[in-house]
Protein backbone atom coordinates (compact mmCIF):
# COMPACT_ATOMS: atom_id res chain seq x y z
CA MET A 1 18.67 25.86 36.74
CA ASP A 2 18.33 27.11 33.13
CA THR A 3 18.01 24.87 29.99
CA SER A 4 21.58 24.96 29.17
CA GLU A 5 22.80 24.04 32.41
CA LEU A 6 20.18 21.14 32.63
CA LYS A 7 21.74 19.94 29.44
CA GLN A 8 25.24 20.34 30.42
CA LYS A 9 24.47 18.29 33.47
CA MET A 10 22.76 15.49 31.54
CA GLN A 11 25.83 15.35 29.18
CA ASP A 12 28.28 15.17 32.02
CA ALA A 13 26.39 12.32 33.63
CA PHE A 14 26.03 10.53 30.19
CA THR A 15 29.95 10.84 29.71
CA SER A 16 30.67 9.55 33.26
CA TRP A 17 28.15 6.57 32.60
CA ASN A 18 29.76 5.83 29.23
CA GLU A 19 33.48 5.88 30.43
CA LYS A 20 33.00 4.39 33.98
CA THR A 21 30.15 1.89 33.52
CA TYR A 22 29.15 1.15 29.79
CA GLN A 23 32.77 0.91 28.42
CA LYS A 24 34.06 -1.15 31.26
CA THR A 25 31.17 -3.52 31.04
CA ILE A 26 31.77 -4.37 27.37
CA SER A 27 35.50 -4.59 27.58
CA LYS A 28 34.75 -7.58 29.85
CA PHE A 29 31.42 -8.81 28.39
CA PRO A 30 31.50 -8.06 24.71
CA GLU A 31 28.17 -7.31 23.06
CA GLN A 32 26.40 -9.68 20.63
CA ARG A 33 27.53 -7.65 17.41
CA LYS A 34 30.18 -5.21 16.76
CA GLU A 35 27.50 -2.95 15.26
CA PHE A 36 23.84 -2.74 15.77
CA THR A 37 21.64 -1.42 12.88
CA THR A 38 17.96 -1.32 12.19
CA GLN A 39 16.62 -3.52 9.36
CA SER A 40 17.47 -0.55 6.90
CA PHE A 41 21.07 -0.58 7.78
CA THR A 42 20.79 2.62 10.04
CA SER A 43 23.26 2.43 12.84
CA VAL A 44 21.74 2.34 16.24
CA LYS A 45 23.43 3.85 19.21
CA PRO A 46 23.54 1.89 22.69
CA ILE A 47 21.37 4.56 24.36
CA TYR A 48 19.26 7.72 23.36
CA SER A 49 18.92 10.77 25.47
CA PRO A 50 17.54 14.28 25.65
CA SER A 51 20.66 15.25 23.62
CA ASP A 52 19.10 13.56 20.56
CA PHE A 53 15.75 15.25 20.80
CA ASP A 54 15.56 19.11 20.54
CA GLU A 55 12.40 20.00 22.57
CA SER A 56 12.38 23.40 21.51
CA THR A 57 10.98 22.08 18.07
CA TYR A 58 8.20 20.29 19.59
CA ASN A 59 5.31 22.19 18.09
CA GLU A 60 7.27 22.64 14.65
CA LYS A 61 7.98 18.70 14.32
CA LEU A 62 5.45 17.04 16.53
CA GLY A 63 2.53 19.30 17.32
CA PHE A 64 -0.71 17.53 18.16
CA PRO A 65 -2.89 14.94 16.60
CA GLY A 66 -5.27 16.05 13.80
CA LEU A 67 -3.07 19.36 13.32
CA TYR A 68 -0.24 20.24 11.03
CA PRO A 69 2.35 18.68 10.39
CA PHE A 70 0.34 15.54 11.47
CA THR A 71 3.28 13.54 13.08
CA ARG A 72 1.01 12.30 15.83
CA GLY A 73 -1.86 11.41 13.61
CA VAL A 74 -4.32 12.73 11.32
CA GLN A 75 -7.25 12.40 13.47
CA PRO A 76 -7.67 14.33 16.72
CA THR A 77 -8.75 11.21 18.69
CA MET A 78 -7.26 8.36 16.54
CA TYR A 79 -8.12 4.96 17.95
CA ARG A 80 -9.95 6.47 21.04
CA GLY A 81 -12.64 7.33 18.54
CA ARG A 82 -12.49 4.37 16.46
CA PHE A 83 -10.22 1.58 15.40
CA TRP A 84 -8.55 1.46 11.98
CA THR A 85 -10.50 -0.47 9.32
CA MET A 86 -9.71 -3.96 9.48
CA ARG A 87 -9.42 -5.13 6.03
CA GLN A 88 -8.25 -8.70 4.96
CA TYR A 89 -6.87 -8.84 1.25
CA ALA A 90 -8.86 -11.53 -0.50
CA GLY A 91 -9.87 -13.00 -3.72
CA PHE A 92 -9.37 -16.13 -5.67
CA GLY A 93 -11.01 -18.28 -8.39
CA THR A 94 -14.32 -17.17 -9.53
CA ALA A 95 -16.48 -14.23 -8.30
CA LYS A 96 -18.73 -16.73 -6.50
CA GLU A 97 -16.12 -18.31 -4.55
CA SER A 98 -14.56 -14.76 -3.50
CA ASN A 99 -18.01 -13.64 -2.57
CA GLU A 100 -18.52 -16.45 -0.04
CA ARG A 101 -14.86 -15.46 1.35
CA TYR A 102 -15.97 -11.90 1.81
CA ARG A 103 -19.09 -12.67 3.47
CA TYR A 104 -17.33 -15.12 5.74
CA LEU A 105 -14.81 -12.43 6.68
CA LEU A 106 -17.53 -9.89 7.26
CA GLY A 107 -19.32 -12.27 9.44
CA GLN A 108 -16.07 -12.55 11.63
CA GLY A 109 -15.86 -8.78 12.31
CA GLN A 110 -13.82 -7.57 9.24
CA SER A 111 -14.83 -4.09 8.77
CA GLY A 112 -13.94 -3.52 5.08
CA LEU A 113 -13.11 -5.36 1.99
CA SER A 114 -9.77 -5.52 0.14
CA ILE A 115 -10.00 -7.22 -3.49
CA ALA A 116 -7.41 -9.22 -4.95
CA PHE A 117 -7.39 -9.68 -8.77
CA ASP A 118 -6.20 -12.31 -11.06
CA LEU A 119 -3.02 -11.41 -13.18
CA PRO A 120 -5.11 -11.31 -16.23
CA THR A 121 -7.41 -8.92 -14.90
CA GLN A 122 -4.55 -6.87 -13.55
CA ILE A 123 -3.25 -6.44 -17.13
CA GLY A 124 -6.60 -5.82 -18.99
CA TYR A 125 -7.07 -9.37 -20.53
CA ASP A 126 -10.19 -11.57 -20.78
CA SER A 127 -10.01 -15.02 -19.37
CA ASP A 128 -10.22 -16.49 -22.80
CA ASP A 129 -7.35 -14.35 -23.99
CA PRO A 130 -4.33 -16.64 -24.91
CA MET A 131 -2.21 -14.54 -22.63
CA ALA A 132 -4.43 -15.61 -19.48
CA LEU A 133 -3.57 -19.33 -20.03
CA GLY A 134 -3.03 -21.00 -16.59
CA GLU A 135 -3.45 -17.72 -14.74
CA VAL A 136 -7.10 -17.38 -14.41
CA GLY A 137 -8.13 -17.10 -10.75
CA LYS A 138 -4.74 -17.99 -9.46
CA VAL A 139 -3.69 -14.98 -7.40
CA GLY A 140 -7.02 -13.28 -7.15
CA VAL A 141 -10.50 -13.17 -8.54
CA ALA A 142 -11.10 -13.23 -12.24
CA ILE A 143 -13.31 -10.38 -13.40
CA ASP A 144 -14.19 -10.07 -17.02
CA THR A 145 -17.42 -7.95 -17.13
CA LEU A 146 -19.91 -6.29 -14.84
CA ALA A 147 -21.60 -9.62 -14.56
CA ASP A 148 -18.63 -10.96 -12.47
CA MET A 149 -18.74 -7.86 -10.36
CA GLU A 150 -22.54 -8.23 -9.80
CA ILE A 151 -21.72 -11.85 -8.15
CA LEU A 152 -18.72 -10.72 -6.48
CA PHE A 153 -20.65 -8.25 -4.46
CA ASP A 154 -23.87 -10.11 -4.15
CA GLN A 155 -25.80 -9.60 -0.61
CA ILE A 156 -22.91 -7.18 0.32
CA PRO A 157 -24.47 -3.51 0.64
CA LEU A 158 -22.04 -1.20 -0.84
CA ASP A 159 -23.28 1.84 0.95
CA LYS A 160 -22.41 0.16 4.05
CA VAL A 161 -18.99 -1.56 3.31
CA SER A 162 -15.79 0.30 2.12
CA THR A 163 -14.00 -1.50 -0.46
CA SER A 164 -10.23 -1.32 -1.35
CA MET A 165 -9.12 -2.58 -4.71
CA THR A 166 -5.70 -3.71 -5.69
CA ILE A 167 -5.85 -2.59 -9.35
CA ASN A 168 -3.61 -0.21 -11.38
CA ALA A 169 -3.43 -0.09 -15.10
CA PRO A 170 -7.00 -0.95 -15.48
CA ALA A 171 -8.24 0.89 -12.37
CA SER A 172 -10.74 3.12 -14.33
CA VAL A 173 -12.61 -0.02 -15.65
CA LEU A 174 -12.70 -1.78 -12.26
CA LEU A 175 -13.93 1.56 -10.54
CA ALA A 176 -16.70 1.92 -13.29
CA MET A 177 -17.79 -1.64 -12.72
CA TYR A 178 -18.19 -0.88 -9.08
CA ILE A 179 -20.12 2.34 -9.69
CA ALA A 180 -22.44 0.24 -11.87
CA VAL A 181 -22.82 -2.51 -9.35
CA ALA A 182 -23.68 0.07 -6.67
CA GLU A 183 -26.12 1.84 -8.71
CA LYS A 184 -27.84 -1.59 -9.56
CA GLN A 185 -28.09 -1.95 -5.66
CA GLY A 186 -29.81 1.52 -5.69
CA VAL A 187 -26.79 3.19 -4.09
CA SER A 188 -25.83 6.19 -5.63
CA ARG A 189 -22.21 7.11 -6.62
CA ASP A 190 -21.80 9.81 -3.89
CA LYS A 191 -22.72 7.29 -1.18
CA ILE A 192 -19.87 4.63 -1.98
CA SER A 193 -16.58 4.79 -0.26
CA GLY A 194 -13.25 3.00 -0.90
CA THR A 195 -10.01 2.94 -2.64
CA ILE A 196 -8.40 2.11 -5.89
CA GLN A 197 -4.68 1.39 -5.90
CA ASN A 198 -4.26 3.32 -9.22
CA ASP A 199 -0.58 3.74 -8.89
CA ILE A 200 1.23 3.09 -12.08
CA LEU A 201 4.45 4.59 -11.30
CA LYS A 202 5.29 1.91 -8.80
CA GLU A 203 4.43 -0.72 -11.42
CA TYR A 204 7.21 0.46 -13.63
CA ILE A 205 9.49 0.59 -10.40
CA ALA A 206 8.80 -2.69 -8.67
CA ARG A 207 5.68 -4.59 -9.70
CA GLY A 208 5.34 -4.99 -13.46
CA THR A 209 1.47 -5.08 -13.94
CA TYR A 210 1.36 -2.17 -16.33
CA ILE A 211 -0.23 -1.63 -19.60
CA TYR A 212 0.24 1.80 -21.43
CA PRO A 213 3.26 4.01 -21.20
CA PRO A 214 3.63 6.54 -18.62
CA LYS A 215 1.84 9.37 -20.42
CA PRO A 216 -1.42 7.83 -21.37
CA SER A 217 -1.34 5.95 -17.85
CA MET A 218 -0.88 9.52 -16.00
CA ARG A 219 -3.90 10.79 -18.19
CA LEU A 220 -6.22 7.89 -17.12
CA ILE A 221 -5.13 8.55 -13.41
CA THR A 222 -5.94 12.40 -13.63
CA ASN A 223 -9.09 11.71 -15.42
CA ILE A 224 -10.22 9.51 -12.25
CA PHE A 225 -9.12 12.30 -10.02
CA GLU A 226 -11.27 14.92 -11.67
CA PHE A 227 -14.31 12.45 -12.20
CA CYS A 228 -14.25 11.29 -8.66
CA SER A 229 -13.82 15.04 -7.08
CA LYS A 230 -17.24 15.88 -8.79
CA GLU A 231 -19.22 12.51 -8.87
CA VAL A 232 -17.70 10.09 -6.32
CA PRO A 233 -16.64 12.27 -3.34
CA LYS A 234 -15.91 9.72 -0.63
CA TRP A 235 -13.76 7.65 -2.89
CA ASN A 236 -10.00 7.63 -2.37
CA THR A 237 -8.94 8.06 -5.96
CA ILE A 238 -5.43 6.55 -5.68
CA SER A 239 -3.20 4.40 -2.97
CA ILE A 240 0.20 5.67 -3.67
CA SER A 241 2.13 2.75 -2.73
CA GLY A 242 5.35 2.05 -0.94
CA TYR A 243 4.45 -1.68 -0.25
CA HIS A 244 5.78 -3.00 -3.42
CA ILE A 245 8.77 -0.81 -3.33
CA ARG A 246 9.72 -2.36 0.28
CA GLU A 247 8.72 -5.86 -0.84
CA ALA A 248 11.32 -5.43 -3.71
CA GLY A 249 13.87 -4.69 -0.99
CA SER A 250 14.13 -1.03 -0.33
CA THR A 251 14.97 0.29 2.98
CA ALA A 252 12.47 2.24 5.31
CA ALA A 253 13.89 5.75 3.73
CA GLN A 254 13.57 4.68 0.23
CA GLU A 255 10.04 3.44 0.81
CA VAL A 256 8.99 6.91 2.12
CA GLY A 257 11.31 9.03 -0.51
CA PHE A 258 10.15 6.99 -3.49
CA THR A 259 6.83 6.85 -2.66
CA LEU A 260 6.23 10.49 -1.86
CA ALA A 261 8.22 11.10 -5.06
CA ASP A 262 5.68 9.48 -7.05
CA GLY A 263 3.00 11.40 -5.02
CA ILE A 264 4.50 14.53 -6.12
CA ALA A 265 4.50 13.42 -9.75
CA TYR A 266 0.64 12.60 -9.48
CA VAL A 267 -0.10 16.09 -7.92
CA GLU A 268 1.92 17.81 -10.56
CA ALA A 269 0.05 16.00 -13.28
CA ALA A 270 -3.22 16.78 -11.83
CA ILE A 271 -2.34 20.45 -11.47
CA LYS A 272 -0.93 20.56 -15.05
CA ALA A 273 -4.38 19.02 -16.23
CA GLY A 274 -6.06 22.06 -14.56
CA LEU A 275 -7.41 20.83 -11.04
CA ASP A 276 -7.00 22.72 -8.15
CA VAL A 277 -4.98 20.87 -5.42
CA ASP A 278 -7.48 21.55 -2.75
CA ASN A 279 -10.23 19.86 -4.84
CA PHE A 280 -8.58 16.40 -5.24
CA ALA A 281 -5.63 16.25 -2.69
CA GLY A 282 -8.00 15.14 -0.01
CA GLN A 283 -8.75 12.05 -1.94
CA LEU A 284 -5.30 10.85 -2.35
CA SER A 285 -4.20 8.08 0.08
CA PHE A 286 -0.91 6.08 0.64
CA PHE A 287 -0.21 2.29 1.22
CA PHE A 288 2.90 1.27 3.17
CA ASN A 289 4.57 -1.89 4.31
CA ALA A 290 4.81 -3.17 7.85
CA HIS A 291 8.18 -4.82 8.38
CA ASN A 292 9.91 -6.59 11.36
CA ASP A 293 11.99 -3.92 12.96
CA LEU A 294 8.87 -2.48 15.12
CA LEU A 295 10.52 0.86 16.19
CA GLU A 296 11.85 1.65 12.87
CA GLU A 297 8.58 1.29 11.20
CA VAL A 298 6.84 3.21 13.75
CA ALA A 299 9.36 6.22 13.20
CA LYS A 300 8.79 5.70 9.25
CA TYR A 301 4.97 6.39 9.42
CA ARG A 302 5.45 9.32 11.53
CA ALA A 303 8.34 10.65 9.07
CA ALA A 304 6.05 10.23 6.10
CA ARG A 305 3.31 12.09 7.54
CA ARG A 306 5.43 15.22 8.56
CA LEU A 307 7.26 15.05 5.34
CA TRP A 308 4.03 14.85 3.18
CA ALA A 309 2.27 17.79 5.16
CA ARG A 310 5.21 20.01 4.47
CA ILE A 311 5.30 19.04 0.78
CA MET A 312 1.67 19.61 -0.04
CA LYS A 313 1.67 22.96 1.99
CA GLU A 314 5.03 24.52 1.01
CA ARG A 315 5.46 23.03 -2.52
CA PHE A 316 1.90 22.75 -3.76
CA GLY A 317 0.24 25.66 -1.53
CA ALA A 318 -2.48 23.31 -0.31
CA LYS A 319 -4.67 25.19 2.31
CA LYS A 320 -7.15 22.61 3.40
CA ASP A 321 -5.94 20.29 6.43
CA LYS A 322 -7.44 17.19 4.45
CA SER A 323 -5.15 18.17 1.48
CA GLN A 324 -1.92 18.12 3.84
CA MET A 325 -2.79 14.82 5.53
CA LEU A 326 -1.25 11.56 4.75
CA ARG A 327 -3.77 8.84 5.19
CA PHE A 328 -2.48 5.44 4.76
CA HIS A 329 -3.38 1.86 4.63
CA THR A 330 -0.84 -0.68 5.90
CA GLN A 331 -0.17 -4.52 4.87
CA THR A 332 2.18 -6.64 6.97
CA ALA A 333 5.29 -7.78 4.99
CA GLY A 334 4.75 -10.66 2.65
CA SER A 335 8.62 -10.89 1.95
CA SER A 336 9.22 -11.53 5.77
CA LEU A 337 6.95 -14.70 5.85
CA THR A 338 8.87 -17.89 5.71
CA ALA A 339 8.07 -21.17 4.07
CA GLN A 340 9.95 -22.89 6.99
CA GLN A 341 8.13 -23.23 10.32
CA VAL A 342 5.09 -21.15 9.32
CA ASP A 343 3.59 -20.73 12.48
CA ASN A 344 6.52 -18.50 13.27
CA ASN A 345 4.75 -15.91 10.72
CA ILE A 346 1.77 -15.47 13.36
CA ILE A 347 4.33 -13.90 15.55
CA ARG A 348 6.07 -11.71 12.89
CA VAL A 349 2.72 -10.46 11.63
CA THR A 350 1.80 -9.75 15.26
CA VAL A 351 4.85 -7.46 15.56
CA GLN A 352 4.16 -5.98 12.15
CA THR A 353 0.60 -5.27 13.33
CA LEU A 354 1.74 -3.45 16.40
CA ALA A 355 4.17 -1.23 14.23
CA ALA A 356 1.30 -0.37 11.92
CA VAL A 357 -1.02 0.76 14.99
CA LEU A 358 1.57 2.38 16.97
CA GLY A 359 2.56 4.36 13.78
CA GLY A 360 -1.15 5.51 13.38
CA THR A 361 -2.35 3.59 10.32
CA GLN A 362 -6.00 4.22 9.15
CA SER A 363 -6.45 0.52 7.72
CA LEU A 364 -4.64 -2.71 8.02
CA HIS A 365 -4.34 -6.01 6.26
CA THR A 366 -2.58 -8.73 8.22
CA ASN A 367 -1.11 -11.62 6.13
CA SER A 368 -1.78 -15.36 6.91
CA ARG A 369 0.67 -17.76 8.24
CA ASP A 370 0.66 -19.76 5.21
CA GLU A 371 1.03 -17.35 2.52
CA ALA A 372 4.71 -18.21 1.65
CA LEU A 373 3.23 -21.55 0.51
CA ALA A 374 0.00 -20.89 -0.88
CA LEU A 375 -3.29 -18.76 -1.04
CA PRO A 376 -4.33 -18.51 2.69
CA THR A 377 -6.83 -20.88 4.30
CA GLU A 378 -9.78 -19.97 5.97
CA ASP A 379 -8.33 -20.65 9.32
CA SER A 380 -5.38 -18.84 8.45
CA VAL A 381 -7.26 -15.67 7.53
CA LYS A 382 -9.30 -15.88 10.65
CA ILE A 383 -6.05 -15.91 12.89
CA ALA A 384 -4.73 -12.98 10.89
CA LEU A 385 -7.97 -10.97 11.59
CA ARG A 386 -8.06 -11.99 15.19
CA THR A 387 -4.50 -10.73 15.52
CA GLN A 388 -5.60 -7.15 14.67
CA GLN A 389 -8.68 -7.53 17.05
CA VAL A 390 -6.52 -8.83 19.99
CA VAL A 391 -4.41 -5.80 19.36
CA ALA A 392 -7.24 -3.41 19.10
CA TYR A 393 -9.25 -4.67 21.95
CA GLU A 394 -6.82 -6.21 24.46
CA SER A 395 -3.05 -4.78 24.11
CA GLY A 396 -4.00 -1.30 25.59
CA VAL A 397 -1.99 0.45 22.92
CA CYS A 398 -5.01 2.28 21.51
CA ASN A 399 -5.85 3.82 24.69
CA THR A 400 -3.63 7.08 24.05
CA ILE A 401 -2.74 8.67 20.93
CA ASP A 402 0.94 8.32 19.35
CA PRO A 403 2.01 6.40 22.55
CA LEU A 404 5.72 6.31 21.65
CA ALA A 405 6.22 9.95 20.99
CA GLY A 406 8.84 11.47 23.13
CA SER A 407 10.88 8.48 23.04
CA TYR A 408 14.35 9.70 22.32
CA TYR A 409 15.06 6.81 20.14
CA ILE A 410 11.75 7.26 18.13
CA GLU A 411 12.03 11.05 17.64
CA SER A 412 15.72 10.36 16.64
CA LEU A 413 14.90 7.94 14.03
CA THR A 414 11.92 9.83 12.93
CA ASP A 415 14.13 12.76 12.14
CA GLN A 416 16.70 10.59 10.44
CA ILE A 417 14.30 8.85 8.07
CA GLU A 418 12.47 12.20 7.14
CA LYS A 419 16.25 13.50 6.19
CA GLU A 420 17.05 10.41 4.25
CA ALA A 421 13.81 10.53 2.37
CA GLU A 422 13.94 13.94 1.75
CA ASP A 423 17.37 13.67 -0.02
CA TYR A 424 16.04 11.04 -2.39
CA ILE A 425 13.39 13.36 -3.33
CA SER A 426 15.78 16.17 -4.04
CA LYS A 427 17.59 13.69 -6.13
CA ILE A 428 14.66 12.77 -7.89
CA ASP A 429 13.74 16.34 -8.51
CA ALA A 430 17.17 17.14 -9.93
CA MET A 431 16.54 14.23 -12.52
CA GLY A 432 13.30 15.69 -13.67
CA GLY A 433 10.97 13.82 -11.50
CA ALA A 434 9.82 10.38 -10.68
CA ALA A 435 8.99 9.38 -14.17
CA SER A 436 12.45 10.33 -15.47
CA ALA A 437 14.10 8.84 -12.49
CA ILE A 438 12.40 5.62 -13.36
CA GLU A 439 13.14 5.91 -16.82
CA ALA A 440 16.87 6.25 -16.01
CA GLY A 441 16.70 3.13 -13.82
CA TYR A 442 17.82 5.20 -10.74
CA THR A 443 14.99 4.08 -8.48
CA GLN A 444 15.23 0.39 -9.51
CA THR A 445 18.93 0.45 -9.10
CA GLU A 446 18.61 1.83 -5.28
CA ILE A 447 16.28 -0.79 -4.41
CA GLN A 448 18.20 -3.61 -6.00
CA LYS A 449 21.58 -2.45 -4.02
CA SER A 450 19.43 -2.42 -0.87
CA ALA A 451 17.75 -6.13 -1.66
CA TYR A 452 21.17 -7.35 -2.46
CA ARG A 453 22.91 -6.05 0.75
CA PHE A 454 20.16 -7.64 2.88
CA GLN A 455 20.12 -11.14 1.22
CA GLN A 456 24.08 -10.99 1.52
CA GLU A 457 23.54 -10.41 5.33
CA ILE A 458 21.07 -13.35 5.53
CA GLU A 459 23.47 -15.62 3.63
CA ARG A 460 26.55 -14.65 5.78
CA ASN A 461 24.33 -15.28 9.01
CA GLU A 462 24.74 -11.73 9.90
CA ARG A 463 20.91 -11.20 9.97
CA ILE A 464 18.97 -13.94 11.61
CA VAL A 465 15.57 -15.14 10.19
CA VAL A 466 14.23 -17.81 12.90
CA GLY A 467 13.54 -21.17 11.34
CA MET A 468 15.24 -20.24 7.91
CA ASN A 469 19.12 -19.77 8.75
CA LYS A 470 18.91 -20.63 12.51
CA PHE A 471 16.71 -22.60 14.83
CA GLN A 472 15.84 -25.03 11.83
CA VAL A 473 13.85 -28.18 12.55
CA LYS A 474 13.21 -31.09 10.11
CA GLU A 475 9.60 -30.59 8.92
CA GLU A 476 7.01 -32.76 7.25
CA GLU A 477 5.53 -31.73 4.03
CA PRO A 478 2.68 -29.11 4.47
CA LYS A 479 -0.81 -30.32 4.12
CA GLY A 480 -4.31 -28.52 3.85
CA LEU A 481 -2.86 -25.66 1.54
CA LEU A 482 -5.50 -24.07 -0.47
CA LYS A 483 -5.29 -25.02 -4.08
CA ILE A 484 -7.26 -23.49 -7.06
CA ASP A 485 -8.95 -25.96 -9.29
CA GLU A 486 -7.87 -26.13 -12.92
CA ASP A 487 -11.59 -26.20 -14.07
CA VAL A 488 -11.86 -22.36 -12.84
CA GLN A 489 -10.45 -21.12 -16.26
CA ARG A 490 -12.95 -23.34 -18.06
CA GLU A 491 -15.93 -22.08 -16.04
CA GLN A 492 -14.82 -18.44 -16.21
CA ILE A 493 -14.52 -18.84 -20.14
CA GLU A 494 -18.15 -20.52 -20.29
CA PHE A 495 -19.62 -17.57 -18.12
CA LEU A 496 -17.85 -15.07 -20.31
CA ASN A 497 -19.27 -16.60 -23.53
CA LYS A 498 -22.71 -16.76 -21.78
CA VAL A 499 -22.49 -12.97 -21.09
CA ARG A 500 -21.45 -12.17 -24.64
CA ALA A 501 -24.31 -14.22 -25.97
CA GLN A 502 -26.86 -12.40 -23.77
CA ARG A 503 -25.58 -8.67 -24.28
CA ASN A 504 -26.58 -6.21 -27.11
CA GLU A 505 -23.62 -6.60 -29.51
CA GLN A 506 -24.49 -3.34 -31.18
CA GLU A 507 -24.49 -1.39 -28.12
CA VAL A 508 -21.18 -2.70 -27.18
CA LYS A 509 -19.78 -1.83 -30.45
CA VAL A 510 -21.11 1.87 -30.19
CA LYS A 511 -19.75 2.29 -26.73
CA LEU A 512 -16.22 0.88 -27.68
CA THR A 513 -16.27 3.17 -30.71
CA ALA A 514 -17.02 6.26 -28.37
CA LEU A 515 -14.15 5.20 -26.23
CA LYS A 516 -11.68 5.15 -29.03
CA THR A 517 -12.73 8.71 -30.15
CA ALA A 518 -12.60 9.87 -26.73
CA ALA A 519 -9.26 8.38 -26.14
CA GLU A 520 -7.91 9.99 -29.51
CA SER A 521 -8.98 13.50 -28.03
CA ASN A 522 -8.56 15.12 -24.53
CA ALA A 523 -11.71 14.00 -23.13
CA ASN A 524 -11.92 12.67 -19.65
CA LEU A 525 -12.37 8.94 -20.32
CA MET A 526 -14.24 7.82 -17.08
CA PRO A 527 -17.82 8.59 -18.41
CA VAL A 528 -17.22 6.60 -21.62
CA ILE A 529 -15.67 3.68 -19.87
CA LEU A 530 -18.64 3.59 -17.62
CA ASP A 531 -20.81 3.67 -20.46
CA ALA A 532 -19.06 0.67 -21.98
CA VAL A 533 -18.94 -1.20 -18.64
CA LYS A 534 -22.81 -1.06 -18.36
CA VAL A 535 -23.55 -2.85 -21.71
CA TYR A 536 -21.13 -5.39 -20.59
CA ALA A 537 -18.21 -4.60 -22.62
CA SER A 538 -15.37 -6.85 -21.04
CA ILE A 539 -12.16 -5.58 -19.48
CA GLY A 540 -10.12 -7.00 -22.45
CA GLU A 541 -12.38 -5.31 -24.92
CA ILE A 542 -12.10 -1.94 -23.15
CA CYS A 543 -8.38 -2.07 -22.49
CA ASN A 544 -7.59 -3.45 -26.14
CA THR A 545 -9.39 -0.48 -27.31
CA MET A 546 -6.99 1.87 -25.43
CA ARG A 547 -4.13 -0.24 -26.29
CA GLY A 548 -4.82 0.50 -29.87
CA VAL A 549 -4.75 4.22 -29.32
CA PHE A 550 -2.06 4.39 -26.67
CA GLY A 551 0.25 1.51 -27.33
CA GLU A 552 1.85 -0.79 -24.64
CA TYR A 553 4.89 0.04 -22.30
CA LYS A 554 8.04 -1.85 -22.98
CA GLU A 555 10.24 -2.32 -19.81
CA HIS A 556 13.38 -0.16 -19.34
CA VAL A 557 15.84 -3.00 -18.43
CA VAL A 558 18.33 -2.14 -15.45
CA ILE A 559 21.56 -3.94 -15.51
C-alpha cells in the first residue's frame, strides 16, 4: 500500500470515528467547554492525527539534535550529556547578604549564579541618589562600586562558576566590574563565562528600566559585542528576552515573534557597526518564559529554535552552526504565581519546569512558592531548586532527546506558532524594524490586547486559576516572609562614602573625563568603562557621565 492509499484509509477511519463515535458521544454527554484553546487562545482540536503532520518534511523541519534547523535541540546529546545549568535568580539587600545566599545555593547543588540587582542599580543611580530613596536593596542587590562586586563574589571562584546578570541599561558597567573582580582573583577575562541580559529593546516594550535613547543604547550593546568577541570569548553578550514580554501579557507566538524581531535588530546593528556575523552571533543567547500550558510551551521553544536558525542562515548568511543556534535560558512564569494558597505555586512551577526541559532549555530558574508575596525565603528557594533536581534525576524525561517529537499535536502546534511568529516579524519588518514598531506603539498595543483578553477570561470564570477564582479557602495572614531591613540603605550609603574617601579622586576624575571624550566620539566604550570601574568610579558617576552626552529616553505613551 503506497503513502496516498495509507493516508486515505486513515482519513476514512477518522471520518467514521468522528461521525459514529465522537459526535454521538458529545450529543449525549456535552464536553466541558464549547471551545478548547491553549493559554494563548489557539483553538485545540479534539484529536490530532497523521494528517496534521507531513512526514515528508521531517528532514527539513525537524532533522536531528545538534543539526540545522535545531528544532530537536542545539546539542547532539542534550541532557544525556549533561543537564541544563540550574540557576536560581537571587539578590537582595547588601552584597554581603547576597553573597551568603549564593554560597548557600551553590552548597545545595546549584550549578550557576543568576544575579538580581536592585532598581537603582538597574537604572544607573548610586544608593545615595535622591532617586534611589526607598528602593535600595529591595528587589535585588545594591551595587555602587567595584568594592560591592568584590564582596558579592567573595569566596566564589569565577573560573568555575557561570554567572548570569539581569542587567540592561548599565550592562556595560556591571560586566566591567565582573571582569575586574575576576582579574583580582587571578582569573583572566578569556576564562570567565556567563551572560548579561543587555536587552534594551524589551525595556522600551515591557519593563521600563532604560536610561538612554535607543541609538546610544544600541551603540553600547554593539560595543559589548565587539569587545567580548575579542576579549571575553566565553561570555554570552546578550540575552534577548521574551520573558518580560510574556509577563506583560503576550501570547506564546507574540513572545517568539517580538523577541526574534528584537534579535534581528541587534544583529543588524552589529553588522552595520562593521562586525562579521559569524564573529559575534555565537555569543547571542535568548531568555524565554515557561508558562502553564505545558504542551504549548514545548512547541514554542521548538518553533523559536527553527525560526531563528532560518533567519540567521537565510537573512544574515551566517555560516557557522553556532551562529544559527538559538540557545536559551528559561524562567518559570512569575505572573502565574498566586498570593492565594501559595503552595499551589510549587505545582505550577513543576509543570513549567517540565515544559522548559521537554522544550530543550540550556539553563533554568524556578520561581519560589512565596514570590507573589515577597522575596523568597531560603526554604522556598530550596524547594524550587529541588524541583529542578527531581525532574533531572528522577522523572526520566532526560533519558531521550526531544521526547515529544512526532506527537501530531506538538508538531502541528510548533508549525502554527512558527507561522504566527513569522507573521509578526513580517509586520515589524514592514514598519522599519523593532525600534520603529516600538516607537509607533505597535508591539506594546498587541501585548496589551492579549493581556486584557486573558484577564477578562479570568474575571468571567472562563479561565480557571485554582485557589484564586475557584476552589478558594479562607486563609490566615502569611507568616515568615523575607523582609528587607530599612537600615540597608543607610549601611549601603555609609559603605559608598567609605569607598569614596579611600579612592584616588584625581584618578576617578581623569577616567570619567576620558569616558566623556570617548562617548562624544565613535570609540568603543568598554575599555574606558573598565578603566573607570577599576579606580572605583561608581555606577552613578559612570552612567551620569554618559547621560550628559546621550541624554535620557522619554517613554512613548500608548493609549
